[in-house]
Amino acid sequence: MLAEAHFEDLATVAAGHDNQESSFALLSKDRFGRVVVAGGPWAGEVWPEGMLGAPVGRIGALRCRITSPRAQIEIKQMMPVWVPGRPRRRKDTEDIARLEAALREQGAHPA
């Protein structure tokens, strides 16, 4: 289904495609109803508030929650703090600027 929607397997994409990455996270909710990391060394850690507040996304018949733009901004800003060995990337800075511009176009304040 994803191939029909023009998605490509990143393992087979040639270099020079801006090194796009895609990630999936297993989520859970804690006893307070907050979205938390579902497993691994960070199990139970709280994700940004409103993280799953964006509309449900869809590719064909497949539907899933999408990380809200504000949460994407927070995650990109905080990842080097949360994971000290991870450097701040130019791509994240560019993504943050794009997300903030899109929020402004919608009349929303980025932060």
Protein backbone atom coordinates (compact mmCIF):
# COMPACT_ATOMS: atom_id res chain seq x y z
CA MET A 1 0.00 0.00 0.00
CA LEU A 2 2.78 2.48 0.84
CA ALA A 3 4.56 1.78 -2.46
CA GLU A 4 1.31 2.58 -4.28
CA ALA A 5 1.29 5.93 -2.44
CA HIS A 6 4.84 6.60 -3.76
CA PHE A 7 6.67 5.87 -0.50
CA GLU A 8 10.11 4.28 -0.83
CA ASP A 9 12.00 1.85 1.36
CA LEU A 10 14.73 4.03 2.89
CA ALA A 11 17.17 1.13 2.81
CA THR A 12 17.00 1.14 -0.98
CA VAL A 13 16.94 4.90 -1.64
CA ALA A 14 20.16 6.17 -3.16
CA ALA A 15 22.28 8.73 -1.33
CA GLY A 16 21.48 12.35 -2.06
CA HIS A 17 17.82 12.26 -1.04
CA ASP A 18 18.35 14.55 1.98
CA ASN A 19 18.75 11.51 4.24
CA GLN A 20 15.07 11.47 5.15
CA GLU A 21 14.19 9.39 8.15
CA SER A 22 10.96 8.00 9.41
CA SER A 23 10.31 6.69 12.87
CA PHE A 24 7.61 4.95 14.78
CA ALA A 25 7.20 4.93 18.54
CA LEU A 26 5.19 2.55 20.66
CA LEU A 27 3.03 4.60 22.96
CA SER A 28 1.01 3.93 26.05
CA LYS A 29 -0.95 5.97 28.58
CA ASP A 30 -0.18 6.23 32.25
CA ARG A 31 -2.76 6.17 35.05
CA PHE A 32 -3.29 9.93 34.55
CA GLY A 33 -4.11 9.50 30.84
CA ARG A 34 -0.85 11.07 29.65
CA VAL A 35 0.93 9.68 26.58
CA VAL A 36 4.11 7.90 27.68
CA VAL A 37 6.92 5.82 26.19
CA ALA A 38 5.61 2.24 26.08
CA GLY A 39 8.83 0.28 26.60
CA GLY A 40 12.59 0.17 26.73
CA PRO A 41 14.89 2.20 28.96
CA TRP A 42 12.60 5.24 28.81
CA ALA A 43 9.35 3.35 29.55
CA GLY A 44 6.86 5.54 31.38
CA GLU A 45 8.51 8.85 30.41
CA VAL A 46 5.91 11.44 29.42
CA TRP A 47 5.75 12.69 25.84
CA PRO A 48 4.90 16.39 25.16
CA GLU A 49 1.40 17.45 26.16
CA GLY A 50 -1.00 17.43 23.21
CA MET A 51 1.34 15.23 21.21
CA LEU A 52 -1.51 13.32 19.60
CA GLY A 53 -3.80 16.33 19.29
CA ALA A 54 -3.44 16.60 15.52
CA PRO A 55 -6.13 15.16 13.24
CA VAL A 56 -5.91 11.47 12.36
CA GLY A 57 -3.83 10.91 9.22
CA ARG A 58 -4.63 8.52 6.41
CA ILE A 59 -2.81 6.76 3.58
CA GLY A 60 -5.37 4.77 1.62
CA ALA A 61 -7.43 2.81 4.14
CA LEU A 62 -4.69 2.96 6.79
CA ARG A 63 -5.41 5.53 9.52
CA CYS A 64 -3.11 6.59 12.33
CA ARG A 65 -2.44 9.37 14.80
CA ILE A 66 0.06 12.02 13.73
CA THR A 67 2.35 13.88 16.08
CA SER A 68 1.07 17.45 16.40
CA PRO A 69 3.25 20.22 14.92
CA ARG A 70 3.84 21.80 18.36
CA ALA A 71 4.96 18.44 19.77
CA GLN A 72 7.23 17.89 16.74
CA ILE A 73 8.85 21.26 17.48
CA GLU A 74 9.34 20.38 21.16
CA ILE A 75 10.76 16.95 20.35
CA LYS A 76 13.22 18.40 17.81
CA GLN A 77 14.29 21.11 20.26
CA MET A 78 14.64 18.76 23.23
CA MET A 79 16.14 15.62 21.66
CA PRO A 80 19.76 16.75 22.25
CA VAL A 81 18.83 17.36 25.91
CA TRP A 82 16.95 14.08 26.32
CA VAL A 83 19.64 12.12 24.46
CA PRO A 84 22.92 13.90 25.28
CA GLY A 85 24.94 12.01 22.65
CA ARG A 86 22.64 13.12 19.83
CA PRO A 87 23.92 16.28 18.16
CA ARG A 88 21.65 19.12 17.14
CA ARG A 89 21.11 18.72 13.40
CA ARG A 90 20.72 21.46 10.78
CA LYS A 91 17.75 19.51 9.40
CA ASP A 92 15.95 19.80 12.75
CA THR A 93 16.50 23.57 12.80
CA GLU A 94 15.11 23.79 9.25
CA ASP A 95 12.15 21.54 10.17
CA ILE A 96 11.36 23.71 13.20
CA ALA A 97 11.34 26.84 11.01
CA ARG A 98 8.99 25.11 8.50
CA LEU A 99 6.66 23.88 11.25
CA GLU A 100 6.54 27.32 12.89
CA ALA A 101 5.84 28.99 9.52
CA ALA A 102 3.01 26.51 8.82
CA LEU A 103 1.48 27.19 12.24
CA ARG A 104 1.68 30.97 11.64
CA GLU A 105 -0.03 30.52 8.23
CA GLN A 106 -2.86 28.71 10.03
CA GLY A 107 -3.13 31.60 12.48
CA ALA A 108 -1.72 29.58 15.36
CA HIS A 109 1.18 30.59 17.54
CA PRO A 110 4.13 28.17 17.19
CA ALA A 111 4.87 27.90 20.92
